[in-house]
Protein backbone atom coordinates (compact mmCIF):
# COMPACT_ATOMS: atom_id res chain seq x y z
CA MET A 1 30.76 8.05 14.02
CA THR A 2 29.71 8.29 10.41
CA THR A 3 28.41 11.55 9.05
CA ASN A 4 25.43 12.07 6.81
CA ASN A 5 27.77 12.67 3.80
CA GLU A 6 29.53 9.26 4.43
CA ILE A 7 26.14 7.43 4.75
CA GLU A 8 24.92 9.17 1.60
CA LYS A 9 28.02 8.05 -0.38
CA ARG A 10 27.66 4.54 0.86
CA LEU A 11 23.95 4.48 -0.12
CA TRP A 12 24.66 5.79 -3.59
CA ALA A 13 27.49 3.29 -4.06
CA ALA A 14 25.12 0.43 -2.99
CA ALA A 15 22.41 1.65 -5.42
CA ASP A 16 25.10 1.94 -8.21
CA GLN A 17 26.11 -1.70 -7.45
CA LEU A 18 22.53 -2.87 -7.42
CA TRP A 19 21.81 -1.17 -10.74
CA ALA A 20 25.04 -2.49 -12.34
CA ASN A 21 24.80 -6.01 -11.10
CA SER A 22 21.10 -6.71 -11.65
CA ASN A 23 18.39 -6.34 -14.21
CA LEU A 24 16.39 -4.12 -11.97
CA ARG A 25 15.30 -0.66 -13.09
CA PRO A 26 15.70 2.12 -10.46
CA SER A 27 11.93 2.08 -9.90
CA GLU A 28 12.23 -1.53 -8.82
CA PHE A 29 14.89 -1.08 -6.12
CA SER A 30 12.30 -0.80 -3.34
CA THR A 31 11.48 -4.49 -3.20
CA PRO A 32 14.92 -5.84 -2.38
CA VAL A 33 15.97 -2.81 -0.38
CA LEU A 34 12.79 -2.94 1.84
CA GLY A 35 13.21 -6.63 2.21
CA LEU A 36 16.90 -6.03 3.49
CA ILE A 37 15.74 -3.28 5.90
CA PHE A 38 13.09 -5.57 7.22
CA LEU A 39 15.61 -8.39 7.78
CA ARG A 40 17.92 -5.95 9.60
CA TYR A 41 15.01 -4.82 11.80
CA ALA A 42 14.01 -8.46 12.53
CA ASP A 43 17.60 -9.33 13.35
CA HIS A 44 17.75 -6.36 15.76
CA LYS A 45 14.54 -7.39 17.49
CA PHE A 46 15.73 -10.99 17.74
CA ALA A 47 18.97 -9.88 19.38
CA GLN A 48 17.04 -7.78 21.87
CA ALA A 49 14.71 -10.77 22.82
CA GLU A 50 17.70 -13.08 23.09
CA ALA A 51 19.44 -10.78 25.44
CA ALA A 52 16.31 -10.35 27.54
CA LEU A 53 15.92 -14.13 27.81
CA ALA A 54 19.55 -14.56 28.65
CA ARG A 55 19.23 -12.07 31.51
CA LYS A 56 16.06 -13.82 32.68
CA ALA A 57 17.78 -17.26 32.64
CA LYS A 58 20.86 -15.88 34.49
CA ALA A 59 18.63 -14.36 37.17
CA ARG A 60 16.86 -17.68 37.75
CA GLN A 61 20.05 -19.87 37.83
CA GLY A 62 18.18 -22.34 40.07
CA ARG A 63 16.09 -25.31 39.23
CA ARG A 64 13.39 -24.90 36.76
CA LYS A 65 9.89 -24.46 38.10
CA ILE A 66 7.22 -26.54 36.52
CA GLY A 67 3.74 -25.39 37.00
CA LYS A 68 0.50 -24.41 35.37
CA MET A 69 0.65 -22.07 32.38
CA THR A 70 -0.66 -18.67 33.03
CA PRO A 71 -1.66 -16.09 30.41
CA ALA A 72 1.54 -14.20 31.30
CA SER A 73 3.87 -17.15 30.73
CA PRO A 74 6.15 -16.87 27.64
CA LEU A 75 4.77 -19.87 25.93
CA THR A 76 1.27 -18.72 25.97
CA ARG A 77 2.30 -15.34 24.57
CA CYS A 78 3.76 -17.22 21.53
CA ILE A 79 0.71 -19.35 20.92
CA VAL A 80 -1.69 -18.02 18.26
CA LEU A 81 -5.26 -18.96 18.95
CA ARG A 82 -7.45 -19.39 15.92
């Protein structure tokens, strides 16, 4: 397990690399850093959803049921109505 000191050292090293290898000023670091944080969050949420769907599919293992769409069905939750 990493300690706070190790994490702090890694963050400072990453900031130094970002500063040395780009034309960004320190005040402009937030844009790429926040973008990377968001991508990490999105990847984590996708992995959770993928695992949940895999568990659901494994639990079914039988033939697919075809029927009417209900408001609770996964497809209707993904559709954005305008």
